[in-house]
Amino acid sequence: MVVKEEVRNRKIGQQLLEQAEGWAGRQGVRKLAVNTGKRRVESHLFYKNRGFEETGQGFTNRWKNRRSSNGSQRTGSSGR
């Protein structure tokens, strides 16, 4: 979820999050996870101020048509 910079600080993000949490709760979801860029300090504060806890650092590896170490062609992703 991203709110355009020019319309931030109008509670749009809060409203979007409340809608997402409401929908998730009605579906029986008991845990909601979000990802933010490491340098997105404003985003970190936004979520922390709404009860989210920082849980660690994530890693992702995606590729298409990349050669493996033995020279064979690999396609697809790492499965994440």
PDB file of N, CA and C in Angstrom:
ATOM      1  N   MET A   1       0.855  -1.154   0.000  1.00  0.00           N
ATOM      2  CA  MET A   1       0.000   0.000   0.000  1.00  0.00           C
ATOM      3  C   MET A   1       0.908   1.225   0.000  1.00  0.00           C
ATOM      4  N   VAL A   2       0.690   2.110  -0.935  1.00  0.00           N
ATOM      5  CA  VAL A   2       1.481   3.333  -1.015  1.00  0.00           C
ATOM      6  C   VAL A   2       0.543   4.499  -1.275  1.00  0.00           C
ATOM      7  N   VAL A   3       0.744   5.567  -0.549  1.00  0.00           N
ATOM      8  CA  VAL A   3      -0.016   6.792  -0.771  1.00  0.00           C
ATOM      9  C   VAL A   3       0.921   7.777  -1.461  1.00  0.00           C
ATOM     10  N   LYS A   4       0.459   8.356  -2.561  1.00  0.00           N
ATOM     11  CA  LYS A   4       1.280   9.320  -3.293  1.00  0.00           C
ATOM     12  C   LYS A   4       1.759  10.417  -2.360  1.00  0.00           C
ATOM     13  N   GLU A   5       2.992  10.827  -2.565  1.00  0.00           N
ATOM     14  CA  GLU A   5       3.606  11.826  -1.689  1.00  0.00           C
ATOM     15  C   GLU A   5       2.787  13.114  -1.602  1.00  0.00           C
ATOM     16  N   GLU A   6       2.225  13.537  -2.731  1.00  0.00           N
ATOM     17  CA  GLU A   6       1.499  14.816  -2.741  1.00  0.00           C
ATOM     18  C   GLU A   6       0.178  14.781  -1.972  1.00  0.00           C
ATOM     19  N   VAL A   7      -0.306  13.604  -1.598  1.00  0.00           N
ATOM     20  CA  VAL A   7      -1.562  13.545  -0.828  1.00  0.00           C
ATOM     21  C   VAL A   7      -1.369  12.882   0.540  1.00  0.00           C
ATOM     22  N   ARG A   8      -0.137  12.760   0.975  1.00  0.00           N
ATOM     23  CA  ARG A   8       0.123  12.201   2.307  1.00  0.00           C
ATOM     24  C   ARG A   8      -0.314  13.172   3.390  1.00  0.00           C
ATOM     25  N   ASN A   9      -0.403  12.671   4.602  1.00  0.00           N
ATOM     26  CA  ASN A   9      -0.818  13.446   5.785  1.00  0.00           C
ATOM     27  C   ASN A   9      -2.275  13.890   5.717  1.00  0.00           C
ATOM     28  N   ARG A  10      -3.088  13.092   5.012  1.00  0.00           N
ATOM     29  CA  ARG A  10      -4.532  13.355   4.953  1.00  0.00           C
ATOM     30  C   ARG A  10      -5.326  12.161   5.496  1.00  0.00           C
ATOM     31  N   LYS A  11      -4.629  11.296   6.211  1.00  0.00           N
ATOM     32  CA  LYS A  11      -5.222  10.101   6.838  1.00  0.00           C
ATOM     33  C   LYS A  11      -5.677   9.050   5.822  1.00  0.00           C
ATOM     34  N   ILE A  12      -5.206   9.154   4.592  1.00  0.00           N
ATOM     35  CA  ILE A  12      -5.563   8.171   3.564  1.00  0.00           C
ATOM     36  C   ILE A  12      -4.961   6.816   3.903  1.00  0.00           C
ATOM     37  N   GLY A  13      -3.687   6.795   4.286  1.00  0.00           N
ATOM     38  CA  GLY A  13      -3.036   5.540   4.665  1.00  0.00           C
ATOM     39  C   GLY A  13      -3.724   4.886   5.851  1.00  0.00           C
ATOM     40  N   GLN A  14      -4.099   5.691   6.825  1.00  0.00           N
ATOM     41  CA  GLN A  14      -4.803   5.172   7.998  1.00  0.00           C
ATOM     42  C   GLN A  14      -6.131   4.542   7.591  1.00  0.00           C
ATOM     43  N   GLN A  15      -6.861   5.211   6.711  1.00  0.00           N
ATOM     44  CA  GLN A  15      -8.146   4.678   6.259  1.00  0.00           C
ATOM     45  C   GLN A  15      -7.955   3.384   5.470  1.00  0.00           C
ATOM     46  N   LEU A  16      -6.945   3.336   4.610  1.00  0.00           N
ATOM     47  CA  LEU A  16      -6.669   2.114   3.851  1.00  0.00           C
ATOM     48  C   LEU A  16      -6.317   0.958   4.784  1.00  0.00           C
ATOM     49  N   LEU A  17      -5.466   1.245   5.765  1.00  0.00           N
ATOM     50  CA  LEU A  17      -5.068   0.205   6.711  1.00  0.00           C
ATOM     51  C   LEU A  17      -6.269  -0.274   7.524  1.00  0.00           C
ATOM     52  N   GLU A  18      -7.106   0.640   7.977  1.00  0.00           N
ATOM     53  CA  GLU A  18      -8.298   0.247   8.735  1.00  0.00           C
ATOM     54  C   GLU A  18      -9.210  -0.636   7.897  1.00  0.00           C
ATOM     55  N   GLN A  19      -9.382  -0.305   6.634  1.00  0.00           N
ATOM     56  CA  GLN A  19     -10.209  -1.135   5.741  1.00  0.00           C
ATOM     57  C   GLN A  19      -9.588  -2.518   5.561  1.00  0.00           C
ATOM     58  N   ALA A  20      -8.273  -2.559   5.359  1.00  0.00           N
ATOM     59  CA  ALA A  20      -7.575  -3.846   5.183  1.00  0.00           C
ATOM     60  C   ALA A  20      -7.680  -4.695   6.441  1.00  0.00           C
ATOM     61  N   GLU A  21      -7.497  -4.067   7.604  1.00  0.00           N
ATOM     62  CA  GLU A  21      -7.592  -4.804   8.860  1.00  0.00           C
ATOM     63  C   GLU A  21      -9.016  -5.303   9.099  1.00  0.00           C
ATOM     64  N   GLY A  22     -10.002  -4.474   8.778  1.00  0.00           N
ATOM     65  CA  GLY A  22     -11.396  -4.896   8.929  1.00  0.00           C
ATOM     66  C   GLY A  22     -11.724  -6.079   8.043  1.00  0.00           C
ATOM     67  N   TRP A  23     -11.312  -5.999   6.774  1.00  0.00           N
ATOM     68  CA  TRP A  23     -11.558  -7.104   5.838  1.00  0.00           C
ATOM     69  C   TRP A  23     -10.849  -8.365   6.311  1.00  0.00           C
ATOM     70  N   ALA A  24      -9.583  -8.227   6.706  1.00  0.00           N
ATOM     71  CA  ALA A  24      -8.818  -9.392   7.158  1.00  0.00           C
ATOM     72  C   ALA A  24      -9.465 -10.028   8.380  1.00  0.00           C
ATOM     73  N   GLY A  25      -9.914  -9.205   9.318  1.00  0.00           N
ATOM     74  CA  GLY A  25     -10.566  -9.735  10.511  1.00  0.00           C
ATOM     75  C   GLY A  25     -11.836 -10.500  10.178  1.00  0.00           C
ATOM     76  N   ARG A  26     -12.604  -9.998   9.225  1.00  0.00           N
ATOM     77  CA  ARG A  26     -13.833 -10.701   8.811  1.00  0.00           C
ATOM     78  C   ARG A  26     -13.530 -12.023   8.115  1.00  0.00           C
ATOM     79  N   GLN A  27     -12.324 -12.155   7.565  1.00  0.00           N
ATOM     80  CA  GLN A  27     -11.922 -13.400   6.914  1.00  0.00           C
ATOM     81  C   GLN A  27     -11.312 -14.388   7.906  1.00  0.00           C
ATOM     82  N   GLY A  28     -11.183 -13.967   9.158  1.00  0.00           N
ATOM     83  CA  GLY A  28     -10.618 -14.838  10.185  1.00  0.00           C
ATOM     84  C   GLY A  28      -9.109 -14.696  10.342  1.00  0.00           C
ATOM     85  N   VAL A  29      -8.528 -13.725   9.672  1.00  0.00           N
ATOM     86  CA  VAL A  29      -7.085 -13.502   9.781  1.00  0.00           C
ATOM     87  C   VAL A  29      -6.771 -12.928  11.154  1.00  0.00           C
ATOM     88  N   ARG A  30      -5.745 -13.462  11.804  1.00  0.00           N
ATOM     89  CA  ARG A  30      -5.366 -13.001  13.135  1.00  0.00           C
ATOM     90  C   ARG A  30      -3.999 -12.335  13.160  1.00  0.00           C
ATOM     91  N   LYS A  31      -3.305 -12.315  12.023  1.00  0.00           N
ATOM     92  CA  LYS A  31      -1.978 -11.708  11.967  1.00  0.00           C
ATOM     93  C   LYS A  31      -1.825 -11.036  10.610  1.00  0.00           C
ATOM     94  N   LEU A  32      -1.382  -9.799  10.621  1.00  0.00           N
ATOM     95  CA  LEU A  32      -1.193  -9.048   9.388  1.00  0.00           C
ATOM     96  C   LEU A  32       0.263  -8.606   9.335  1.00  0.00           C
ATOM     97  N   ALA A  33       0.953  -8.896   8.239  1.00  0.00           N
ATOM     98  CA  ALA A  33       2.355  -8.517   8.073  1.00  0.00           C
ATOM     99  C   ALA A  33       2.474  -7.545   6.909  1.00  0.00           C
ATOM    100  N   VAL A  34       3.345  -6.576   7.057  1.00  0.00           N
ATOM    101  CA  VAL A  34       3.622  -5.617   5.991  1.00  0.00           C
ATOM    102  C   VAL A  34       5.133  -5.539   5.797  1.00  0.00           C
ATOM    103  N   ASN A  35       5.530  -5.129   4.603  1.00  0.00           N
ATOM    104  CA  ASN A  35       6.941  -4.914   4.300  1.00  0.00           C
ATOM    105  C   ASN A  35       7.146  -3.469   3.908  1.00  0.00           C
ATOM    106  N   THR A  36       8.227  -2.886   4.385  1.00  0.00           N
ATOM    107  CA  THR A  36       8.588  -1.535   3.977  1.00  0.00           C
ATOM    108  C   THR A  36      10.072  -1.520   3.632  1.00  0.00           C
ATOM    109  N   GLY A  37      10.441  -0.586   2.787  1.00  0.00           N
ATOM    110  CA  GLY A  37      11.852  -0.433   2.468  1.00  0.00           C
ATOM    111  C   GLY A  37      12.647  -0.048   3.697  1.00  0.00           C
ATOM    112  N   LYS A  38      13.889  -0.486   3.747  1.00  0.00           N
ATOM    113  CA  LYS A  38      14.753  -0.245   4.898  1.00  0.00           C
ATOM    114  C   LYS A  38      14.885   1.241   5.228  1.00  0.00           C
ATOM    115  N   ARG A  39      14.877   2.076   4.208  1.00  0.00           N
ATOM    116  CA  ARG A  39      15.079   3.515   4.408  1.00  0.00           C
ATOM    117  C   ARG A  39      13.774   4.294   4.546  1.00  0.00           C
ATOM    118  N   ARG A  40      12.634   3.621   4.564  1.00  0.00           N
ATOM    119  CA  ARG A  40      11.328   4.293   4.646  1.00  0.00           C
ATOM    120  C   ARG A  40      10.956   4.551   6.094  1.00  0.00           C
ATOM    121  N   VAL A  41      11.704   5.421   6.749  1.00  0.00           N
ATOM    122  CA  VAL A  41      11.520   5.699   8.175  1.00  0.00           C
ATOM    123  C   VAL A  41      10.100   6.167   8.471  1.00  0.00           C
ATOM    124  N   GLU A  42       9.530   6.995   7.577  1.00  0.00           N
ATOM    125  CA  GLU A  42       8.157   7.477   7.803  1.00  0.00           C
ATOM    126  C   GLU A  42       7.179   6.303   7.827  1.00  0.00           C
ATOM    127  N   SER A  43       7.391   5.339   6.945  1.00  0.00           N
ATOM    128  CA  SER A  43       6.522   4.159   6.914  1.00  0.00           C
ATOM    129  C   SER A  43       6.678   3.338   8.188  1.00  0.00           C
ATOM    130  N   HIS A  44       7.914   3.189   8.654  1.00  0.00           N
ATOM    131  CA  HIS A  44       8.151   2.430   9.888  1.00  0.00           C
ATOM    132  C   HIS A  44       7.382   3.067  11.042  1.00  0.00           C
ATOM    133  N   LEU A  45       7.465   4.387  11.144  1.00  0.00           N
ATOM    134  CA  LEU A  45       6.750   5.092  12.218  1.00  0.00           C
ATOM    135  C   LEU A  45       5.240   4.960  12.060  1.00  0.00           C
ATOM    136  N   PHE A  46       4.757   5.034  10.837  1.00  0.00           N
ATOM    137  CA  PHE A  46       3.324   4.887  10.573  1.00  0.00           C
ATOM    138  C   PHE A  46       2.825   3.564  11.155  1.00  0.00           C
ATOM    139  N   TYR A  47       3.509   2.467  10.828  1.00  0.00           N
ATOM    140  CA  TYR A  47       3.055   1.157  11.297  1.00  0.00           C
ATOM    141  C   TYR A  47       3.286   0.973  12.799  1.00  0.00           C
ATOM    142  N   LYS A  48       4.427   1.424  13.310  1.00  0.00           N
ATOM    143  CA  LYS A  48       4.684   1.303  14.752  1.00  0.00           C
ATOM    144  C   LYS A  48       3.642   2.057  15.559  1.00  0.00           C
ATOM    145  N   ASN A  49       3.231   3.240  15.079  1.00  0.00           N
ATOM    146  CA  ASN A  49       2.213   4.026  15.774  1.00  0.00           C
ATOM    147  C   ASN A  49       0.838   3.372  15.738  1.00  0.00           C
ATOM    148  N   ARG A  50       0.673   2.360  14.928  1.00  0.00           N
ATOM    149  CA  ARG A  50      -0.603   1.649  14.823  1.00  0.00           C
ATOM    150  C   ARG A  50      -0.522   0.228  15.369  1.00  0.00           C
ATOM    151  N   GLY A  51       0.486  -0.019  16.197  1.00  0.00           N
ATOM    152  CA  GLY A  51       0.572  -1.290  16.910  1.00  0.00           C
ATOM    153  C   GLY A  51       1.379  -2.377  16.240  1.00  0.00           C
ATOM    154  N   PHE A  52       1.958  -2.121  15.085  1.00  0.00           N
ATOM    155  CA  PHE A  52       2.790  -3.128  14.427  1.00  0.00           C
ATOM    156  C   PHE A  52       4.141  -3.186  15.122  1.00  0.00           C
ATOM    157  N   GLU A  53       4.726  -4.373  15.162  1.00  0.00           N
ATOM    158  CA  GLU A  53       6.039  -4.560  15.764  1.00  0.00           C
ATOM    159  C   GLU A  53       7.046  -4.899  14.677  1.00  0.00           C
ATOM    160  N   GLU A  54       8.236  -4.333  14.805  1.00  0.00           N
ATOM    161  CA  GLU A  54       9.302  -4.668  13.867  1.00  0.00           C
ATOM    162  C   GLU A  54       9.757  -6.087  14.157  1.00  0.00           C
ATOM    163  N   THR A  55       9.810  -6.928  13.114  1.00  0.00           N
ATOM    164  CA  THR A  55      10.107  -8.340  13.330  1.00  0.00           C
ATOM    165  C   THR A  55      11.416  -8.799  12.720  1.00  0.00           C
ATOM    166  N   GLY A  56      12.103  -7.966  11.995  1.00  0.00           N
ATOM    167  CA  GLY A  56      13.388  -8.392  11.438  1.00  0.00           C
ATOM    168  C   GLY A  56      13.599  -7.903  10.030  1.00  0.00           C
ATOM    169  N   GLN A  57      14.587  -8.475   9.413  1.00  0.00           N
ATOM    170  CA  GLN A  57      14.974  -8.085   8.068  1.00  0.00           C
ATOM    171  C   GLN A  57      14.654  -9.226   7.115  1.00  0.00           C
ATOM    172  N   GLY A  58      14.116  -8.889   5.963  1.00  0.00           N
ATOM    173  CA  GLY A  58      13.767  -9.908   4.985  1.00  0.00           C
ATOM    174  C   GLY A  58      14.719  -9.904   3.807  1.00  0.00           C
ATOM    175  N   PHE A  59      14.730 -10.993   3.083  1.00  0.00           N
ATOM    176  CA  PHE A  59      15.563 -11.128   1.901  1.00  0.00           C
ATOM    177  C   PHE A  59      14.736 -11.724   0.778  1.00  0.00           C
ATOM    178  N   THR A  60      14.939 -11.249  -0.432  1.00  0.00           N
ATOM    179  CA  THR A  60      14.229 -11.759  -1.599  1.00  0.00           C
ATOM    180  C   THR A  60      15.222 -11.947  -2.730  1.00  0.00           C
ATOM    181  N   ASN A  61      15.031 -12.993  -3.500  1.00  0.00           N
ATOM    182  CA  ASN A  61      15.874 -13.235  -4.664  1.00  0.00           C
ATOM    183  C   ASN A  61      14.967 -13.662  -5.807  1.00  0.00           C
ATOM    184  N   ARG A  62      14.790 -12.795  -6.781  1.00  0.00           N
ATOM    185  CA  ARG A  62      13.954 -13.107  -7.941  1.00  0.00           C
ATOM    186  C   ARG A  62      14.800 -12.966  -9.189  1.00  0.00           C
ATOM    187  N   TRP A  63      14.578 -13.854 -10.130  1.00  0.00           N
ATOM    188  CA  TRP A  63      15.310 -13.773 -11.380  1.00  0.00           C
ATOM    189  C   TRP A  63      14.529 -14.436 -12.490  1.00  0.00           C
ATOM    190  N   LYS A  64      14.833 -14.057 -13.696  1.00  0.00           N
ATOM    191  CA  LYS A  64      14.289 -14.712 -14.882  1.00  0.00           C
ATOM    192  C   LYS A  64      15.425 -14.915 -15.854  1.00  0.00           C
ATOM    193  N   ASN A  65      15.466 -16.075 -16.452  1.00  0.00           N
ATOM    194  CA  ASN A  65      16.456 -16.387 -17.491  1.00  0.00           C
ATOM    195  C   ASN A  65      17.882 -16.090 -17.044  1.00  0.00           C
ATOM    196  N   ARG A  66      18.220 -16.534 -15.870  1.00  0.00           N
ATOM    197  CA  ARG A  66      19.562 -16.346 -15.333  1.00  0.00           C
ATOM    198  C   ARG A  66      20.336 -17.638 -15.471  1.00  0.00           C
ATOM    199  N   ARG A  67      21.582 -17.568 -15.829  1.00  0.00           N
ATOM    200  CA  ARG A  67      22.426 -18.757 -15.951  1.00  0.00           C
ATOM    201  C   ARG A  67      22.879 -19.216 -14.573  1.00  0.00           C
ATOM    202  N   SER A  68      22.827 -20.521 -14.344  1.00  0.00           N
ATOM    203  CA  SER A  68      23.299 -21.071 -13.078  1.00  0.00           C
ATOM    204  C   SER A  68      24.822 -21.190 -13.115  1.00  0.00           C
ATOM    205  N   SER A  69      25.409 -21.570 -12.001  1.00  0.00           N
ATOM    206  CA  SER A  69      26.859 -21.664 -11.913  1.00  0.00           C
ATOM    207  C   SER A  69      27.439 -22.717 -12.860  1.00  0.00           C
ATOM    208  N   ASN A  70      26.636 -23.723 -13.264  1.00  0.00           N
ATOM    209  CA  ASN A  70      27.141 -24.730 -14.197  1.00  0.00           C
ATOM    210  C   ASN A  70      26.856 -24.368 -15.656  1.00  0.00           C
ATOM    211  N   GLY A  71      26.313 -23.169 -15.887  1.00  0.00           N
ATOM    212  CA  GLY A  71      26.105 -22.697 -17.243  1.00  0.00           C
ATOM    213  C   GLY A  71      24.735 -23.017 -17.823  1.00  0.00           C
ATOM    214  N   SER A  72      23.924 -23.805 -17.126  1.00  0.00           N
ATOM    215  CA  SER A  72      22.608 -24.143 -17.646  1.00  0.00           C
ATOM    216  C   SER A  72      21.666 -22.959 -17.438  1.00  0.00           C
ATOM    217  N   GLN A  73      20.625 -22.901 -18.250  1.00  0.00           N
ATOM    218  CA  GLN A  73      19.649 -21.801 -18.186  1.00  0.00           C
ATOM    219  C   GLN A  73      18.664 -22.070 -17.064  1.00  0.00           C
ATOM    220  N   ARG A  74      18.422 -21.076 -16.205  1.00  0.00           N
ATOM    221  CA  ARG A  74      17.404 -21.180 -15.158  1.00  0.00           C
ATOM    222  C   ARG A  74      16.338 -20.154 -15.443  1.00  0.00           C
ATOM    223  N   THR A  75      15.091 -20.541 -15.197  1.00  0.00           N
ATOM    224  CA  THR A  75      13.992 -19.601 -15.351  1.00  0.00           C
ATOM    225  C   THR A  75      13.147 -19.636 -14.099  1.00  0.00           C
ATOM    226  N   GLY A  76      12.302 -18.645 -13.958  1.00  0.00           N
ATOM    227  CA  GLY A  76      11.389 -18.625 -12.811  1.00  0.00           C
ATOM    228  C   GLY A  76      11.949 -17.799 -11.690  1.00  0.00           C
ATOM    229  N   SER A  77      11.502 -18.131 -10.472  1.00  0.00           N
ATOM    230  CA  SER A  77      11.919 -17.370  -9.303  1.00  0.00           C
ATOM    231  C   SER A  77      12.382 -18.318  -8.240  1.00  0.00           C
ATOM    232  N   SER A  78      12.810 -17.750  -7.138  1.00  0.00           N
ATOM    233  CA  SER A  78      13.309 -18.535  -6.016  1.00  0.00           C
ATOM    234  C   SER A  78      12.194 -19.188  -5.222  1.00  0.00           C
ATOM    235  N   GLY A  79      10.939 -18.955  -5.623  1.00  0.00           N
ATOM    236  CA  GLY A  79       9.822 -19.559  -4.924  1.00  0.00           C
ATOM    237  C   GLY A  79       9.264 -18.692  -3.816  1.00  0.00           C
ATOM    238  N   ARG A  80       9.704 -17.465  -3.717  1.00  0.00           N
ATOM    239  CA  ARG A  80       9.214 -16.576  -2.674  1.00  0.00           C
ATOM    240  C   ARG A  80       8.430 -15.473  -3.283  1.00  0.00           C
TER     241      ARG A  80
END
